[in-house]
Amino acid sequence: MKKKISLRVIRRISFYYEALLKLNLPENTYISSRKLEEVTGVSCNQVRQDFFYLGISIGKQKKGYQVKKLFRELKKILSIDHSSKVIIIGAGRIGQALSNYKLFKDRNIMVTALFDIKKELVGTEIGKPGQKKPVLHVDGLEAYLSENPDIKIALLTVPEEAAQETLDKLISHGIMGVVNFAPKILKVPKETRDIQLINDCIGTSLYKIVYLLYSKK
């Protein structure tokens, strides 16, 4: 069983991983905690504390951490050392933007299909040549997931009024993790507590930043 890690630590670990992707250093080189501080904004002391807490003991004094080994350890912690297939419910602008997010590939995340109810979208394909994903009707969701039992994650970009019902349907069809982008806080039924749900409403984030920006004036 994996060590239980707080979401706050996981967030910082994702920053370190993103920094390695951004720097694109040769695998046999080393990176210091101070360099990670420079790129991520997380203090070098916190970086070292996180690595110690997580058992990442691949650092060398005065040299830092070997990039190849650090990549491997961070991937393992973030569970992206293997491919994760994802579906998107809602093929509007947000859904299309997510399906075309080019950095998913570096994170071993693969969008396999989008689902919608709009006639003008169903039956089309989204993406660049060679990377196109089909837009299927929501009515075919159960059959699709039955044929692809390894898909356990969904991104939800449907209208507010359809969000909770869609979440319930996803759970009943075997989806275990959902990121909700709809402007509504969704809840997981009590009998399905193993389901992982993240409510990530874009509008709410904008309210937060506006408040932080102007509240002290």
N, C-alpha and C. Protein backbone atom coordinates (compact mmCIF):
# COMPACT_ATOMS: atom_id res chain seq x y z
N MET A 1 0.84 -1.20 0.00
CA MET A 1 0.00 0.00 0.00
C MET A 1 0.88 1.25 0.00
N LYS A 2 0.51 2.22 -0.83
CA LYS A 2 1.28 3.45 -0.91
C LYS A 2 1.12 4.29 0.35
N LYS A 3 2.16 5.04 0.67
CA LYS A 3 2.11 5.94 1.81
C LYS A 3 1.08 7.03 1.55
N LYS A 4 0.26 7.31 2.58
CA LYS A 4 -0.76 8.35 2.45
C LYS A 4 -0.09 9.72 2.48
N ILE A 5 -0.28 10.48 1.43
CA ILE A 5 0.37 11.78 1.29
C ILE A 5 -0.70 12.86 1.20
N SER A 6 -0.52 13.95 1.91
CA SER A 6 -1.51 15.03 1.89
C SER A 6 -1.54 15.69 0.52
N LEU A 7 -2.69 16.25 0.17
CA LEU A 7 -2.84 16.92 -1.12
C LEU A 7 -1.92 18.13 -1.23
N ARG A 8 -1.61 18.75 -0.11
CA ARG A 8 -0.70 19.89 -0.12
C ARG A 8 0.70 19.47 -0.58
N VAL A 9 1.15 18.32 -0.08
CA VAL A 9 2.46 17.80 -0.49
C VAL A 9 2.42 17.37 -1.96
N ILE A 10 1.34 16.70 -2.34
CA ILE A 10 1.19 16.27 -3.74
C ILE A 10 1.25 17.46 -4.67
N ARG A 11 0.65 18.57 -4.26
CA ARG A 11 0.67 19.79 -5.08
C ARG A 11 2.10 20.26 -5.30
N ARG A 12 2.90 20.25 -4.23
CA ARG A 12 4.30 20.67 -4.38
C ARG A 12 5.08 19.67 -5.23
N ILE A 13 4.81 18.39 -5.05
CA ILE A 13 5.50 17.37 -5.86
C ILE A 13 5.20 17.59 -7.34
N SER A 14 3.97 17.96 -7.64
CA SER A 14 3.62 18.23 -9.04
C SER A 14 4.38 19.44 -9.57
N PHE A 15 4.64 20.43 -8.70
CA PHE A 15 5.45 21.58 -9.10
C PHE A 15 6.87 21.14 -9.46
N TYR A 16 7.45 20.25 -8.66
CA TYR A 16 8.81 19.77 -8.92
C TYR A 16 8.86 19.01 -10.25
N TYR A 17 7.84 18.20 -10.47
CA TYR A 17 7.80 17.43 -11.72
C TYR A 17 7.66 18.35 -12.93
N GLU A 18 6.78 19.34 -12.80
CA GLU A 18 6.60 20.31 -13.89
C GLU A 18 7.89 21.08 -14.15
N ALA A 19 8.64 21.37 -13.09
CA ALA A 19 9.91 22.09 -13.24
C ALA A 19 10.90 21.27 -14.06
N LEU A 20 10.96 19.97 -13.78
CA LEU A 20 11.87 19.10 -14.54
C LEU A 20 11.47 19.06 -16.01
N LEU A 21 10.17 19.00 -16.27
CA LEU A 21 9.70 19.02 -17.66
C LEU A 21 10.10 20.32 -18.35
N LYS A 22 9.92 21.41 -17.64
CA LYS A 22 10.20 22.74 -18.20
C LYS A 22 11.69 22.92 -18.50
N LEU A 23 12.54 22.47 -17.57
CA LEU A 23 13.99 22.66 -17.72
C LEU A 23 14.57 21.75 -18.79
N ASN A 24 13.96 20.57 -18.98
CA ASN A 24 14.39 19.64 -20.03
C ASN A 24 15.90 19.36 -19.95
N LEU A 25 16.36 19.01 -18.77
CA LEU A 25 17.79 18.75 -18.56
C LEU A 25 18.15 17.33 -19.01
N PRO A 26 19.41 17.12 -19.44
CA PRO A 26 19.86 15.76 -19.76
C PRO A 26 19.69 14.85 -18.54
N GLU A 27 19.32 13.60 -18.76
CA GLU A 27 18.99 12.70 -17.66
C GLU A 27 20.14 12.44 -16.70
N ASN A 28 21.38 12.51 -17.22
CA ASN A 28 22.53 12.18 -16.37
C ASN A 28 23.06 13.38 -15.59
N THR A 29 22.39 14.54 -15.72
CA THR A 29 22.83 15.73 -14.98
C THR A 29 22.13 15.78 -13.61
N TYR A 30 22.53 16.75 -12.81
CA TYR A 30 21.98 16.89 -11.47
C TYR A 30 21.27 18.24 -11.34
N ILE A 31 20.27 18.26 -10.46
CA ILE A 31 19.57 19.50 -10.19
C ILE A 31 19.53 19.72 -8.67
N SER A 32 19.79 20.92 -8.25
CA SER A 32 19.85 21.23 -6.82
C SER A 32 18.49 21.66 -6.29
N SER A 33 18.32 21.57 -4.98
CA SER A 33 17.08 22.04 -4.36
C SER A 33 16.94 23.55 -4.54
N ARG A 34 18.07 24.25 -4.63
CA ARG A 34 18.02 25.70 -4.83
C ARG A 34 17.51 26.03 -6.24
N LYS A 35 17.88 25.22 -7.22
CA LYS A 35 17.38 25.43 -8.58
C LYS A 35 15.88 25.15 -8.63
N LEU A 36 15.44 24.13 -7.92
CA LEU A 36 14.01 23.84 -7.86
C LEU A 36 13.26 24.98 -7.19
N GLU A 37 13.88 25.60 -6.19
CA GLU A 37 13.28 26.77 -5.55
C GLU A 37 13.13 27.90 -6.56
N GLU A 38 14.15 28.11 -7.35
CA GLU A 38 14.15 29.19 -8.34
C GLU A 38 13.03 29.01 -9.36
N VAL A 39 12.78 27.78 -9.74
CA VAL A 39 11.78 27.51 -10.79
C VAL A 39 10.37 27.41 -10.22
N THR A 40 10.22 26.82 -9.04
CA THR A 40 8.88 26.56 -8.50
C THR A 40 8.40 27.59 -7.49
N GLY A 41 9.34 28.30 -6.85
CA GLY A 41 8.96 29.22 -5.79
C GLY A 41 8.84 28.56 -4.43
N VAL A 42 9.03 27.24 -4.38
CA VAL A 42 9.04 26.51 -3.11
C VAL A 42 10.45 26.58 -2.53
N SER A 43 10.58 26.93 -1.27
CA SER A 43 11.91 27.11 -0.67
C SER A 43 12.74 25.83 -0.75
N CYS A 44 14.05 26.00 -0.88
CA CYS A 44 14.93 24.84 -0.99
C CYS A 44 14.84 23.96 0.26
N ASN A 45 14.62 24.58 1.43
CA ASN A 45 14.45 23.80 2.66
C ASN A 45 13.20 22.92 2.58
N GLN A 46 12.12 23.49 2.04
CA GLN A 46 10.88 22.73 1.90
C GLN A 46 11.06 21.61 0.89
N VAL A 47 11.78 21.86 -0.18
CA VAL A 47 12.07 20.83 -1.18
C VAL A 47 12.76 19.65 -0.51
N ARG A 48 13.81 19.94 0.26
CA ARG A 48 14.56 18.87 0.92
C ARG A 48 13.69 18.14 1.94
N GLN A 49 12.85 18.89 2.66
CA GLN A 49 11.96 18.26 3.64
C GLN A 49 10.97 17.32 2.96
N ASP A 50 10.43 17.77 1.83
CA ASP A 50 9.48 16.93 1.09
C ASP A 50 10.15 15.66 0.61
N PHE A 51 11.34 15.78 0.06
CA PHE A 51 12.04 14.61 -0.46
C PHE A 51 12.40 13.64 0.67
N PHE A 52 12.80 14.19 1.81
CA PHE A 52 13.12 13.34 2.96
C PHE A 52 11.87 12.61 3.46
N TYR A 53 10.76 13.35 3.55
CA TYR A 53 9.50 12.78 4.02
C TYR A 53 9.03 11.65 3.10
N LEU A 54 9.27 11.81 1.80
CA LEU A 54 8.81 10.84 0.82
C LEU A 54 9.83 9.73 0.56
N GLY A 55 10.96 9.80 1.25
CA GLY A 55 11.96 8.75 1.10
C GLY A 55 12.77 8.85 -0.16
N ILE A 56 12.84 10.05 -0.74
CA ILE A 56 13.66 10.26 -1.94
C ILE A 56 15.08 10.55 -1.48
N SER A 57 15.90 9.51 -1.44
CA SER A 57 17.26 9.63 -0.92
C SER A 57 18.30 9.48 -2.03
N ILE A 58 18.08 10.19 -3.12
CA ILE A 58 18.96 10.05 -4.28
C ILE A 58 19.83 11.29 -4.47
N GLY A 59 19.82 12.16 -3.47
CA GLY A 59 20.61 13.39 -3.58
C GLY A 59 22.07 13.17 -3.21
N LYS A 60 22.93 13.99 -3.79
CA LYS A 60 24.36 13.96 -3.47
C LYS A 60 24.78 15.34 -3.00
N GLN A 61 25.53 15.38 -1.92
CA GLN A 61 25.95 16.65 -1.36
C GLN A 61 26.73 17.46 -2.39
N LYS A 62 26.38 18.73 -2.50
CA LYS A 62 27.00 19.70 -3.41
C LYS A 62 26.68 19.44 -4.89
N LYS A 63 25.95 18.36 -5.18
CA LYS A 63 25.58 18.09 -6.57
C LYS A 63 24.07 18.18 -6.79
N GLY A 64 23.32 17.70 -5.81
CA GLY A 64 21.88 17.73 -5.95
C GLY A 64 21.32 16.36 -6.28
N TYR A 65 20.28 16.34 -7.12
CA TYR A 65 19.55 15.11 -7.43
C TYR A 65 19.72 14.78 -8.91
N GLN A 66 20.04 13.52 -9.18
CA GLN A 66 20.17 13.13 -10.59
C GLN A 66 18.79 13.20 -11.26
N VAL A 67 18.74 13.87 -12.38
CA VAL A 67 17.46 14.14 -13.05
C VAL A 67 16.71 12.86 -13.39
N LYS A 68 17.39 11.87 -13.94
CA LYS A 68 16.74 10.63 -14.35
C LYS A 68 16.07 9.93 -13.17
N LYS A 69 16.80 9.82 -12.07
CA LYS A 69 16.27 9.13 -10.89
C LYS A 69 15.16 9.94 -10.23
N LEU A 70 15.32 11.27 -10.22
CA LEU A 70 14.30 12.12 -9.62
C LEU A 70 13.00 12.05 -10.41
N PHE A 71 13.11 12.07 -11.74
CA PHE A 71 11.94 11.90 -12.60
C PHE A 71 11.20 10.62 -12.23
N ARG A 72 11.97 9.53 -12.12
CA ARG A 72 11.38 8.22 -11.84
C ARG A 72 10.65 8.22 -10.50
N GLU A 73 11.27 8.80 -9.48
CA GLU A 73 10.67 8.83 -8.15
C GLU A 73 9.40 9.69 -8.12
N LEU A 74 9.46 10.85 -8.76
CA LEU A 74 8.29 11.75 -8.76
C LEU A 74 7.13 11.14 -9.54
N LYS A 75 7.43 10.49 -10.65
CA LYS A 75 6.39 9.82 -11.43
C LYS A 75 5.69 8.75 -10.60
N LYS A 76 6.50 8.00 -9.85
CA LYS A 76 5.95 6.93 -9.03
C LYS A 76 5.02 7.50 -7.95
N ILE A 77 5.45 8.58 -7.32
CA ILE A 77 4.65 9.21 -6.26
C ILE A 77 3.34 9.75 -6.82
N LEU A 78 3.41 10.37 -8.01
CA LEU A 78 2.23 10.97 -8.63
C LEU A 78 1.38 9.95 -9.38
N SER A 79 1.86 8.69 -9.40
CA SER A 79 1.16 7.61 -10.10
C SER A 79 1.02 7.87 -11.59
N ILE A 80 2.03 8.54 -12.16
CA ILE A 80 2.03 8.75 -13.61
C ILE A 80 3.19 7.99 -14.25
N ASP A 81 3.63 6.93 -13.57
CA ASP A 81 4.64 6.05 -14.15
C ASP A 81 3.98 5.02 -15.06
N HIS A 82 2.67 5.16 -15.23
CA HIS A 82 1.92 4.33 -16.16
C HIS A 82 0.87 5.21 -16.84
N SER A 83 0.33 4.74 -17.94
CA SER A 83 -0.63 5.53 -18.70
C SER A 83 -2.01 5.52 -18.04
N SER A 84 -2.67 6.68 -18.02
CA SER A 84 -4.03 6.79 -17.50
C SER A 84 -4.95 7.28 -18.62
N LYS A 85 -5.98 6.50 -18.91
CA LYS A 85 -6.94 6.89 -19.94
C LYS A 85 -8.07 7.70 -19.31
N VAL A 86 -8.49 8.73 -20.05
CA VAL A 86 -9.48 9.69 -19.53
C VAL A 86 -10.55 9.95 -20.58
N ILE A 87 -11.78 10.12 -20.13
CA ILE A 87 -12.84 10.58 -21.03
C ILE A 87 -13.30 11.96 -20.58
N ILE A 88 -13.87 12.71 -21.52
CA ILE A 88 -14.37 14.05 -21.22
C ILE A 88 -15.87 14.07 -21.51
N ILE A 89 -16.65 14.49 -20.53
CA ILE A 89 -18.09 14.61 -20.72
C ILE A 89 -18.41 16.08 -20.95
N GLY A 90 -18.83 16.39 -22.17
CA GLY A 90 -19.06 17.77 -22.58
C GLY A 90 -18.02 18.17 -23.61
N ALA A 91 -18.44 18.30 -24.85
CA ALA A 91 -17.50 18.60 -25.94
C ALA A 91 -17.58 20.05 -26.39
N GLY A 92 -17.96 20.93 -25.48
CA GLY A 92 -17.97 22.36 -25.79
C GLY A 92 -16.56 22.93 -25.77
N ARG A 93 -16.45 24.23 -25.57
CA ARG A 93 -15.14 24.88 -25.67
C ARG A 93 -14.16 24.38 -24.61
N ILE A 94 -14.63 24.24 -23.37
CA ILE A 94 -13.74 23.78 -22.31
C ILE A 94 -13.33 22.33 -22.57
N GLY A 95 -14.29 21.50 -22.93
CA GLY A 95 -13.98 20.10 -23.22
C GLY A 95 -13.00 19.95 -24.36
N GLN A 96 -13.18 20.74 -25.41
CA GLN A 96 -12.27 20.68 -26.56
C GLN A 96 -10.88 21.16 -26.18
N ALA A 97 -10.82 22.23 -25.38
CA ALA A 97 -9.52 22.74 -24.94
C ALA A 97 -8.78 21.69 -24.12
N LEU A 98 -9.49 21.02 -23.23
CA LEU A 98 -8.86 19.98 -22.41
C LEU A 98 -8.40 18.81 -23.28
N SER A 99 -9.19 18.44 -24.26
CA SER A 99 -8.83 17.30 -25.11
C SER A 99 -7.60 17.58 -25.95
N ASN A 100 -7.34 18.86 -26.22
CA ASN A 100 -6.19 19.25 -27.04
C ASN A 100 -4.99 19.70 -26.20
N TYR A 101 -5.08 19.56 -24.89
CA TYR A 101 -4.01 20.01 -24.00
C TYR A 101 -2.75 19.20 -24.27
N LYS A 102 -1.76 19.83 -24.88
CA LYS A 102 -0.60 19.10 -25.39
C LYS A 102 0.28 18.50 -24.31
N LEU A 103 0.22 19.04 -23.08
CA LEU A 103 1.09 18.55 -22.03
C LEU A 103 0.57 17.28 -21.35
N PHE A 104 -0.66 16.86 -21.67
CA PHE A 104 -1.16 15.61 -21.11
C PHE A 104 -0.23 14.45 -21.45
N LYS A 105 0.32 14.47 -22.65
CA LYS A 105 1.18 13.37 -23.11
C LYS A 105 2.38 13.20 -22.19
N ASP A 106 2.99 14.31 -21.77
CA ASP A 106 4.15 14.23 -20.89
C ASP A 106 3.79 13.70 -19.51
N ARG A 107 2.52 13.68 -19.21
CA ARG A 107 2.06 13.22 -17.90
C ARG A 107 1.41 11.84 -18.00
N ASN A 108 1.59 11.18 -19.15
CA ASN A 108 1.03 9.84 -19.37
C ASN A 108 -0.49 9.81 -19.25
N ILE A 109 -1.13 10.92 -19.62
CA ILE A 109 -2.59 11.01 -19.59
C ILE A 109 -3.10 11.03 -21.03
N MET A 110 -4.01 10.13 -21.35
CA MET A 110 -4.50 10.02 -22.72
C MET A 110 -6.02 10.15 -22.76
N VAL A 111 -6.50 11.19 -23.43
CA VAL A 111 -7.94 11.36 -23.63
C VAL A 111 -8.36 10.44 -24.77
N THR A 112 -9.32 9.56 -24.50
CA THR A 112 -9.72 8.58 -25.52
C THR A 112 -10.98 8.98 -26.28
N ALA A 113 -11.87 9.74 -25.63
CA ALA A 113 -13.12 10.13 -26.30
C ALA A 113 -13.81 11.25 -25.52
N LEU A 114 -14.67 11.97 -26.22
CA LEU A 114 -15.53 12.98 -25.60
C LEU A 114 -16.98 12.56 -25.78
N PHE A 115 -17.85 13.01 -24.88
CA PHE A 115 -19.27 12.67 -24.96
C PHE A 115 -20.10 13.94 -24.88
N ASP A 116 -21.19 13.97 -25.65
CA ASP A 116 -22.08 15.13 -25.67
C ASP A 116 -23.45 14.68 -26.13
N ILE A 117 -24.40 15.62 -26.13
CA ILE A 117 -25.75 15.31 -26.62
C ILE A 117 -26.11 16.15 -27.84
N LYS A 118 -25.29 17.13 -28.17
CA LYS A 118 -25.60 18.03 -29.27
C LYS A 118 -25.37 17.34 -30.62
N LYS A 119 -26.38 17.42 -31.48
CA LYS A 119 -26.32 16.75 -32.78
C LYS A 119 -25.15 17.23 -33.62
N GLU A 120 -24.85 18.55 -33.50
CA GLU A 120 -23.78 19.11 -34.34
C GLU A 120 -22.39 18.66 -33.89
N LEU A 121 -22.29 18.10 -32.69
CA LEU A 121 -21.00 17.65 -32.17
C LEU A 121 -20.83 16.13 -32.26
N VAL A 122 -21.91 15.41 -31.95
CA VAL A 122 -21.84 13.94 -31.96
C VAL A 122 -21.50 13.44 -33.36
N GLY A 123 -20.52 12.56 -33.43
CA GLY A 123 -20.09 12.01 -34.72
C GLY A 123 -18.90 12.72 -35.32
N THR A 124 -18.51 13.85 -34.73
CA THR A 124 -17.34 14.57 -35.22
C THR A 124 -16.09 14.07 -34.49
N GLU A 125 -14.94 14.60 -34.91
CA GLU A 125 -13.68 14.29 -34.25
C GLU A 125 -12.98 15.58 -33.88
N ILE A 126 -12.30 15.58 -32.75
CA ILE A 126 -11.63 16.78 -32.25
C ILE A 126 -10.14 16.51 -32.11
N GLY A 127 -9.34 17.47 -32.55
CA GLY A 127 -7.89 17.33 -32.40
C GLY A 127 -7.16 17.44 -33.72
N LYS A 128 -5.84 17.43 -33.62
CA LYS A 128 -4.99 17.52 -34.80
C LYS A 128 -4.93 16.18 -35.52
N PRO A 129 -4.54 16.17 -36.80
CA PRO A 129 -4.40 14.91 -37.54
C PRO A 129 -3.48 13.94 -36.79
N GLY A 130 -3.93 12.72 -36.66
CA GLY A 130 -3.16 11.72 -35.94
C GLY A 130 -3.43 11.71 -34.44
N GLN A 131 -4.15 12.74 -33.96
CA GLN A 131 -4.45 12.83 -32.53
C GLN A 131 -5.94 13.08 -32.29
N LYS A 132 -6.74 12.76 -33.27
CA LYS A 132 -8.17 13.05 -33.18
C LYS A 132 -8.89 12.11 -32.21
N LYS A 133 -9.86 12.68 -31.48
CA LYS A 133 -10.67 11.89 -30.57
C LYS A 133 -12.13 12.00 -31.00
N PRO A 134 -12.87 10.90 -30.95
CA PRO A 134 -14.27 10.94 -31.37
C PRO A 134 -15.17 11.59 -30.34
N VAL A 135 -16.21 12.25 -30.83
CA VAL A 135 -17.27 12.77 -29.95
C VAL A 135 -18.45 11.81 -30.08
N LEU A 136 -18.78 11.15 -28.98
CA LEU A 136 -19.83 10.15 -28.97
C LEU A 136 -21.04 10.67 -28.20
N HIS A 137 -22.19 10.04 -28.43
CA HIS A 137 -23.40 10.45 -27.70
C HIS A 137 -23.35 9.89 -26.28
N VAL A 138 -23.83 10.68 -25.34
CA VAL A 138 -23.83 10.28 -23.93
C VAL A 138 -24.59 8.97 -23.72
N ASP A 139 -25.58 8.71 -24.57
CA ASP A 139 -26.35 7.47 -24.42
C ASP A 139 -25.47 6.23 -24.58
N GLY A 140 -24.33 6.39 -25.24
CA GLY A 140 -23.44 5.26 -25.45
C GLY A 140 -22.35 5.14 -24.40
N LEU A 141 -22.46 5.94 -23.33
CA LEU A 141 -21.42 5.97 -22.30
C LEU A 141 -21.25 4.63 -21.60
N GLU A 142 -22.35 4.02 -21.20
CA GLU A 142 -22.27 2.74 -20.47
C GLU A 142 -21.59 1.67 -21.32
N ALA A 143 -21.99 1.57 -22.58
CA ALA A 143 -21.40 0.56 -23.46
C ALA A 143 -19.92 0.82 -23.68
N TYR A 144 -19.56 2.09 -23.84
CA TYR A 144 -18.15 2.45 -24.07
C TYR A 144 -17.29 2.07 -22.87
N LEU A 145 -17.77 2.36 -21.68
CA LEU A 145 -17.00 2.03 -20.48
C LEU A 145 -16.95 0.53 -20.24
N SER A 146 -17.99 -0.18 -20.64
CA SER A 146 -17.98 -1.64 -20.52
C SER A 146 -16.92 -2.25 -21.43
N GLU A 147 -16.74 -1.63 -22.60
CA GLU A 147 -15.73 -2.11 -23.55
C GLU A 147 -14.33 -1.64 -23.19
N ASN A 148 -14.24 -0.62 -22.33
CA ASN A 148 -12.94 -0.06 -21.93
C ASN A 148 -12.88 0.04 -20.40
N PRO A 149 -12.83 -1.10 -19.71
CA PRO A 149 -12.89 -1.11 -18.25
C PRO A 149 -11.68 -0.48 -17.57
N ASP A 150 -10.61 -0.23 -18.34
CA ASP A 150 -9.42 0.39 -17.75
C ASP A 150 -9.56 1.91 -17.62
N ILE A 151 -10.62 2.48 -18.17
CA ILE A 151 -10.86 3.92 -18.04
C ILE A 151 -11.56 4.18 -16.71
N LYS A 152 -10.89 4.90 -15.82
CA LYS A 152 -11.43 5.15 -14.48
C LYS A 152 -11.54 6.64 -14.15
N ILE A 153 -11.15 7.51 -15.09
CA ILE A 153 -11.13 8.95 -14.82
C ILE A 153 -11.98 9.70 -15.86
N ALA A 154 -12.73 10.68 -15.39
CA ALA A 154 -13.53 11.51 -16.30
C ALA A 154 -13.37 12.98 -15.93
N LEU A 155 -13.37 13.83 -16.96
CA LEU A 155 -13.39 15.28 -16.78
C LEU A 155 -14.79 15.75 -17.14
N LEU A 156 -15.40 16.51 -16.25
CA LEU A 156 -16.81 16.89 -16.42
C LEU A 156 -16.93 18.36 -16.77
N THR A 157 -17.43 18.65 -17.99
CA THR A 157 -17.56 20.04 -18.43
C THR A 157 -18.97 20.32 -18.95
N VAL A 158 -19.95 19.77 -18.27
CA VAL A 158 -21.35 19.91 -18.70
C VAL A 158 -21.99 21.11 -18.02
N PRO A 159 -23.18 21.55 -18.50
CA PRO A 159 -23.88 22.65 -17.84
C PRO A 159 -24.23 22.31 -16.39
N GLU A 160 -24.38 23.35 -15.60
CA GLU A 160 -24.64 23.19 -14.16
C GLU A 160 -25.81 22.26 -13.86
N GLU A 161 -26.90 22.43 -14.60
CA GLU A 161 -28.11 21.67 -14.29
C GLU A 161 -27.98 20.17 -14.57
N ALA A 162 -26.99 19.80 -15.38
CA ALA A 162 -26.81 18.38 -15.71
C ALA A 162 -25.65 17.74 -14.96
N ALA A 163 -24.94 18.52 -14.18
CA ALA A 163 -23.68 18.06 -13.59
C ALA A 163 -23.84 16.91 -12.59
N GLN A 164 -24.71 17.06 -11.59
CA GLN A 164 -24.84 16.03 -10.56
C GLN A 164 -25.37 14.72 -11.14
N GLU A 165 -26.36 14.81 -12.00
CA GLU A 165 -26.91 13.61 -12.63
C GLU A 165 -25.84 12.89 -13.46
N THR A 166 -25.03 13.67 -14.16
CA THR A 166 -23.96 13.08 -14.98
C THR A 166 -22.91 12.42 -14.09
N LEU A 167 -22.57 13.06 -12.99
CA LEU A 167 -21.61 12.47 -12.04
C LEU A 167 -22.14 11.13 -11.52
N ASP A 168 -23.39 11.10 -11.12
CA ASP A 168 -23.99 9.87 -10.60
C ASP A 168 -23.95 8.76 -11.65
N LYS A 169 -24.20 9.14 -12.90
CA LYS A 169 -24.18 8.17 -13.98
C LYS A 169 -22.76 7.63 -14.19
N LEU A 170 -21.77 8.50 -14.15
CA LEU A 170 -20.38 8.08 -14.32
C LEU A 170 -19.98 7.08 -13.23
N ILE A 171 -20.37 7.38 -12.00
CA ILE A 171 -20.03 6.50 -10.88
C ILE A 171 -20.69 5.14 -11.05
N SER A 172 -21.95 5.14 -11.47
CA SER A 172 -22.67 3.87 -11.64
C SER A 172 -22.07 3.02 -12.75
N HIS A 173 -21.36 3.66 -13.67
CA HIS A 173 -20.74 2.94 -14.78
C HIS A 173 -19.27 2.59 -14.52
N GLY A 174 -18.79 2.83 -13.30
CA GLY A 174 -17.45 2.37 -12.95
C GLY A 174 -16.35 3.41 -12.89
N ILE A 175 -16.68 4.67 -13.17
CA ILE A 175 -15.66 5.73 -13.07
C ILE A 175 -15.33 5.96 -11.59
N MET A 176 -14.03 6.07 -11.29
CA MET A 176 -13.58 6.19 -9.90
C MET A 176 -13.05 7.57 -9.54
N GLY A 177 -12.70 8.37 -10.55
CA GLY A 177 -12.14 9.69 -10.29
C GLY A 177 -12.72 10.71 -11.26
N VAL A 178 -13.19 11.84 -10.74
CA VAL A 178 -13.81 12.87 -11.58
C VAL A 178 -13.28 14.25 -11.20
N VAL A 179 -12.91 15.03 -12.23
CA VAL A 179 -12.61 16.44 -12.03
C VAL A 179 -13.79 17.21 -12.61
N ASN A 180 -14.46 17.97 -11.77
CA ASN A 180 -15.66 18.69 -12.17
C ASN A 180 -15.33 20.15 -12.49
N PHE A 181 -15.56 20.56 -13.73
CA PHE A 181 -15.35 21.95 -14.15
C PHE A 181 -16.66 22.71 -14.25
N ALA A 182 -17.78 22.06 -13.96
CA ALA A 182 -19.08 22.73 -14.01
C ALA A 182 -19.18 23.73 -12.85
N PRO A 183 -19.95 24.82 -13.03
CA PRO A 183 -20.07 25.85 -11.99
C PRO A 183 -21.01 25.44 -10.87
N LYS A 184 -20.76 24.27 -10.29
CA LYS A 184 -21.60 23.76 -9.21
C LYS A 184 -20.78 22.78 -8.37
N ILE A 185 -20.90 22.88 -7.06
CA ILE A 185 -20.22 21.95 -6.18
C ILE A 185 -20.99 20.63 -6.17
N LEU A 186 -20.35 19.58 -6.63
CA LEU A 186 -21.00 18.27 -6.69
C LEU A 186 -20.64 17.44 -5.46
N LYS A 187 -21.46 16.44 -5.19
CA LYS A 187 -21.22 15.56 -4.05
C LYS A 187 -21.27 14.10 -4.48
N VAL A 188 -20.43 13.32 -3.82
CA VAL A 188 -20.40 11.88 -4.07
C VAL A 188 -21.41 11.21 -3.15
N PRO A 189 -22.23 10.30 -3.66
CA PRO A 189 -23.19 9.60 -2.80
C PRO A 189 -22.49 8.91 -1.62
N LYS A 190 -23.17 8.86 -0.48
CA LYS A 190 -22.57 8.31 0.74
C LYS A 190 -22.08 6.88 0.56
N GLU A 191 -22.79 6.11 -0.25
CA GLU A 191 -22.43 4.69 -0.40
C GLU A 191 -21.24 4.48 -1.33
N THR A 192 -20.71 5.57 -1.90
CA THR A 192 -19.57 5.43 -2.83
C THR A 192 -18.42 6.32 -2.38
N ARG A 193 -17.99 6.17 -1.15
CA ARG A 193 -16.96 7.03 -0.58
C ARG A 193 -15.57 6.81 -1.19
N ASP A 194 -15.38 5.72 -1.91
CA ASP A 194 -14.07 5.47 -2.52
C ASP A 194 -13.86 6.32 -3.77
N ILE A 195 -14.90 6.97 -4.24
CA ILE A 195 -14.80 7.81 -5.43
C ILE A 195 -14.05 9.10 -5.09
N GLN A 196 -13.12 9.46 -5.98
CA GLN A 196 -12.35 10.69 -5.79
C GLN A 196 -12.95 11.80 -6.67
N LEU A 197 -13.36 12.90 -6.04
CA LEU A 197 -13.99 14.01 -6.77
C LEU A 197 -13.28 15.31 -6.44
N ILE A 198 -12.92 16.05 -7.49
CA ILE A 198 -12.34 17.38 -7.31
C ILE A 198 -13.24 18.39 -8.02
N ASN A 199 -13.77 19.34 -7.26
CA ASN A 199 -14.56 20.42 -7.84
C ASN A 199 -13.62 21.57 -8.19
N ASP A 200 -13.47 21.84 -9.47
CA ASP A 200 -12.47 22.82 -9.92
C ASP A 200 -13.14 23.87 -10.81
N CYS A 201 -14.15 24.53 -10.25
CA CYS A 201 -14.90 25.53 -11.01
C CYS A 201 -14.01 26.72 -11.36
N ILE A 202 -13.88 27.02 -12.64
CA ILE A 202 -13.03 28.11 -13.11
C ILE A 202 -13.54 29.45 -12.59
N GLY A 203 -14.85 29.64 -12.58
CA GLY A 203 -15.42 30.90 -12.11
C GLY A 203 -15.08 31.17 -10.65
N THR A 204 -15.13 30.12 -9.83
CA THR A 204 -14.80 30.27 -8.41
C THR A 204 -13.36 30.72 -8.22
N SER A 205 -12.46 30.16 -9.02
CA SER A 205 -11.05 30.56 -8.94
C SER A 205 -10.88 32.03 -9.30
N LEU A 206 -11.66 32.50 -10.27
CA LEU A 206 -11.59 33.91 -10.65
C LEU A 206 -12.09 34.80 -9.52
N TYR A 207 -13.17 34.38 -8.85
CA TYR A 207 -13.66 35.14 -7.70
C TYR A 207 -12.58 35.27 -6.64
N LYS A 208 -11.88 34.18 -6.40
CA LYS A 208 -10.83 34.18 -5.37
C LYS A 208 -9.73 35.18 -5.71
N ILE A 209 -9.29 35.16 -6.97
CA ILE A 209 -8.18 36.04 -7.34
C ILE A 209 -8.61 37.51 -7.32
N VAL A 210 -9.85 37.77 -7.75
CA VAL A 210 -10.36 39.15 -7.71
C VAL A 210 -10.44 39.63 -6.26
N TYR A 211 -10.93 38.76 -5.38
CA TYR A 211 -11.02 39.13 -3.96
C TYR A 211 -9.65 39.42 -3.38
N LEU A 212 -8.68 38.53 -3.63
CA LEU A 212 -7.34 38.71 -3.10
C LEU A 212 -6.69 39.99 -3.63
N LEU A 213 -7.03 40.31 -4.87
CA LEU A 213 -6.43 41.47 -5.53
C LEU A 213 -6.96 42.79 -4.96
N TYR A 214 -8.26 42.82 -4.68
CA TYR A 214 -8.88 44.10 -4.33
C TYR A 214 -9.35 44.23 -2.88
N SER A 215 -9.32 43.15 -2.11
CA SER A 215 -9.88 43.19 -0.76
C SER A 215 -9.11 44.09 0.20
N LYS A 216 -7.83 44.34 -0.08
CA LYS A 216 -7.01 45.14 0.84
C LYS A 216 -6.94 46.61 0.45
N LYS A 217 -7.66 46.98 -0.61
CA LYS A 217 -7.61 48.38 -1.05
C LYS A 217 -8.55 49.24 -0.21
